[in-house]
């Protein structure tokens, strides 16, 4: 698997830029402390270690999901978990780089 595929998912799920042209939700998978320190106002917060327990909550939005964390490592894992549960998800990377892309 190439780095692009690892970071942004398979072609089947699209790229971050493709997601930004759709109606999507942003999922922040950082810890509670990280989220409370700084977060994207519209982001849904589910820490990475709780994501499997909230699959139905994410599915209920019925939208593609851009997952982000601090640097991109946890969000890659989160996006992979969501895709395994049939949710269209992509790794948005770290909060700073994602904030630049969505503003």
C-alpha atoms as a PDB file:
ATOM      1  CA  UNK A   1       0.000   0.000   0.000  1.00  0.00           C
ATOM      2  CA  UNK A   2       1.434   3.381  -1.004  1.00  0.00           C
ATOM      3  CA  UNK A   3       1.655   6.347   1.338  1.00  0.00           C
ATOM      4  CA  UNK A   4      -1.218   8.161  -0.427  1.00  0.00           C
ATOM      5  CA  UNK A   5      -3.471   5.128  -0.064  1.00  0.00           C
ATOM      6  CA  UNK A   6      -2.524   4.766   3.598  1.00  0.00           C
ATOM      7  CA  UNK A   7      -3.196   8.433   4.349  1.00  0.00           C
ATOM      8  CA  UNK A   8      -6.236   9.064   2.200  1.00  0.00           C
ATOM      9  CA  UNK A   9      -7.811   5.675   1.632  1.00  0.00           C
ATOM     10  CA  UNK A  10      -8.497   3.806  -1.539  1.00  0.00           C
ATOM     11  CA  UNK A  11      -9.743   5.342  -4.772  1.00  0.00           C
ATOM     12  CA  UNK A  12     -13.085   3.765  -3.938  1.00  0.00           C
ATOM     13  CA  UNK A  13     -13.432   6.137  -0.992  1.00  0.00           C
ATOM     14  CA  UNK A  14     -12.090   9.236  -2.734  1.00  0.00           C
ATOM     15  CA  UNK A  15      -9.481  11.786  -1.766  1.00  0.00           C
ATOM     16  CA  UNK A  16      -9.638  14.604   0.736  1.00  0.00           C
ATOM     17  CA  UNK A  17     -10.089  17.163  -2.048  1.00  0.00           C
ATOM     18  CA  UNK A  18     -13.047  15.184  -3.425  1.00  0.00           C
ATOM     19  CA  UNK A  19     -14.609  15.076   0.039  1.00  0.00           C
ATOM     20  CA  UNK A  20     -14.248  18.849   0.419  1.00  0.00           C
ATOM     21  CA  UNK A  21     -16.527  19.267  -2.602  1.00  0.00           C
ATOM     22  CA  UNK A  22     -19.330  17.316  -0.871  1.00  0.00           C
ATOM     23  CA  UNK A  23     -21.517  17.682   2.183  1.00  0.00           C
ATOM     24  CA  UNK A  24     -19.407  15.967   4.857  1.00  0.00           C
ATOM     25  CA  UNK A  25     -18.797  15.739   8.576  1.00  0.00           C
ATOM     26  CA  UNK A  26     -15.478  16.270  10.299  1.00  0.00           C
ATOM     27  CA  UNK A  27     -14.595  13.747  12.979  1.00  0.00           C
ATOM     28  CA  UNK A  28     -11.938  14.693  15.542  1.00  0.00           C
ATOM     29  CA  UNK A  29     -10.411  11.537  17.062  1.00  0.00           C
ATOM     30  CA  UNK A  30      -8.021  13.259  19.474  1.00  0.00           C
ATOM     31  CA  UNK A  31      -8.200  13.030  23.257  1.00  0.00           C
ATOM     32  CA  UNK A  32     -10.659  15.105  25.271  1.00  0.00           C
ATOM     33  CA  UNK A  33      -7.841  17.394  26.442  1.00  0.00           C
ATOM     34  CA  UNK A  34      -6.573  17.974  22.894  1.00  0.00           C
ATOM     35  CA  UNK A  35     -10.102  18.704  21.693  1.00  0.00           C
ATOM     36  CA  UNK A  36     -10.822  21.128  24.538  1.00  0.00           C
ATOM     37  CA  UNK A  37      -7.559  22.977  23.901  1.00  0.00           C
ATOM     38  CA  UNK A  38      -8.304  23.580  20.204  1.00  0.00           C
ATOM     39  CA  UNK A  39     -10.827  22.177  17.766  1.00  0.00           C
ATOM     40  CA  UNK A  40     -12.678  22.871  14.550  1.00  0.00           C
ATOM     41  CA  UNK A  41     -16.042  24.292  15.603  1.00  0.00           C
ATOM     42  CA  UNK A  42     -18.181  21.994  13.450  1.00  0.00           C
ATOM     43  CA  UNK A  43     -16.258  18.809  14.293  1.00  0.00           C
ATOM     44  CA  UNK A  44     -17.834  15.791  15.910  1.00  0.00           C
ATOM     45  CA  UNK A  45     -15.550  14.563  18.716  1.00  0.00           C
ATOM     46  CA  UNK A  46     -15.052  10.846  19.298  1.00  0.00           C
ATOM     47  CA  UNK A  47     -11.650   9.806  20.694  1.00  0.00           C
ATOM     48  CA  UNK A  48      -9.960   7.096  18.638  1.00  0.00           C
ATOM     49  CA  UNK A  49     -10.201   4.564  21.473  1.00  0.00           C
ATOM     50  CA  UNK A  50     -14.020   4.990  21.505  1.00  0.00           C
ATOM     51  CA  UNK A  51     -14.696   5.038  17.765  1.00  0.00           C
ATOM     52  CA  UNK A  52     -15.899   1.434  17.474  1.00  0.00           C
ATOM     53  CA  UNK A  53     -18.564   2.072  20.115  1.00  0.00           C
ATOM     54  CA  UNK A  54     -19.939   5.016  18.104  1.00  0.00           C
ATOM     55  CA  UNK A  55     -20.140   3.548  14.599  1.00  0.00           C
ATOM     56  CA  UNK A  56     -23.951   3.873  14.553  1.00  0.00           C
ATOM     57  CA  UNK A  57     -23.715   7.538  15.614  1.00  0.00           C
ATOM     58  CA  UNK A  58     -21.345   8.268  12.719  1.00  0.00           C
ATOM     59  CA  UNK A  59     -23.493   6.278  10.263  1.00  0.00           C
ATOM     60  CA  UNK A  60     -26.600   8.202  11.348  1.00  0.00           C
ATOM     61  CA  UNK A  61     -25.212  11.370   9.741  1.00  0.00           C
ATOM     62  CA  UNK A  62     -25.330   9.609   6.355  1.00  0.00           C
ATOM     63  CA  UNK A  63     -22.472  11.738   5.022  1.00  0.00           C
ATOM     64  CA  UNK A  64     -18.849  11.138   4.065  1.00  0.00           C
ATOM     65  CA  UNK A  65     -16.470  11.603   6.992  1.00  0.00           C
ATOM     66  CA  UNK A  66     -13.193  13.505   7.127  1.00  0.00           C
ATOM     67  CA  UNK A  67     -11.282  12.169  10.124  1.00  0.00           C
ATOM     68  CA  UNK A  68      -8.558  14.254  11.729  1.00  0.00           C
ATOM     69  CA  UNK A  69      -6.266  14.205  14.743  1.00  0.00           C
ATOM     70  CA  UNK A  70      -3.130  16.129  15.707  1.00  0.00           C
ATOM     71  CA  UNK A  71      -0.705  14.755  13.119  1.00  0.00           C
ATOM     72  CA  UNK A  72      -2.584  12.296  10.906  1.00  0.00           C
ATOM     73  CA  UNK A  73      -1.622   8.955  12.453  1.00  0.00           C
ATOM     74  CA  UNK A  74      -4.717   8.366  14.610  1.00  0.00           C
ATOM     75  CA  UNK A  75      -6.977   9.749  11.906  1.00  0.00           C
ATOM     76  CA  UNK A  76      -5.597   7.213   9.410  1.00  0.00           C
ATOM     77  CA  UNK A  77      -6.545   4.464  11.857  1.00  0.00           C
ATOM     78  CA  UNK A  78      -9.961   6.041  12.466  1.00  0.00           C
ATOM     79  CA  UNK A  79     -10.736   6.368   8.756  1.00  0.00           C
ATOM     80  CA  UNK A  80      -9.742   2.739   8.242  1.00  0.00           C
ATOM     81  CA  UNK A  81     -12.062   1.582  11.040  1.00  0.00           C
ATOM     82  CA  UNK A  82     -14.953   3.574   9.588  1.00  0.00           C
ATOM     83  CA  UNK A  83     -14.379   2.198   6.081  1.00  0.00           C
ATOM     84  CA  UNK A  84     -14.399  -1.352   7.483  1.00  0.00           C
ATOM     85  CA  UNK A  85     -17.896  -0.577   8.785  1.00  0.00           C
ATOM     86  CA  UNK A  86     -19.128   0.658   5.397  1.00  0.00           C
ATOM     87  CA  UNK A  87     -18.712   4.380   6.046  1.00  0.00           C
ATOM     88  CA  UNK A  88     -17.156   6.518   3.334  1.00  0.00           C
ATOM     89  CA  UNK A  89     -14.200   8.039   5.215  1.00  0.00           C
ATOM     90  CA  UNK A  90     -10.909   9.719   4.458  1.00  0.00           C
ATOM     91  CA  UNK A  91      -7.952  10.787   6.579  1.00  0.00           C
ATOM     92  CA  UNK A  92      -7.895  14.568   6.831  1.00  0.00           C
ATOM     93  CA  UNK A  93      -4.528  14.520   8.573  1.00  0.00           C
ATOM     94  CA  UNK A  94      -3.569  16.905  11.334  1.00  0.00           C
ATOM     95  CA  UNK A  95      -5.764  19.719  12.583  1.00  0.00           C
ATOM     96  CA  UNK A  96      -3.504  22.529  11.320  1.00  0.00           C
ATOM     97  CA  UNK A  97      -3.338  21.255   7.734  1.00  0.00           C
ATOM     98  CA  UNK A  98      -7.048  20.391   7.628  1.00  0.00           C
ATOM     99  CA  UNK A  99      -8.007  23.814   8.977  1.00  0.00           C
ATOM    100  CA  UNK A 100      -6.094  25.413   6.070  1.00  0.00           C
ATOM    101  CA  UNK A 101      -7.940  23.271   3.518  1.00  0.00           C
ATOM    102  CA  UNK A 102     -11.444  23.929   4.850  1.00  0.00           C
ATOM    103  CA  UNK A 103     -11.074  27.656   5.442  1.00  0.00           C
END
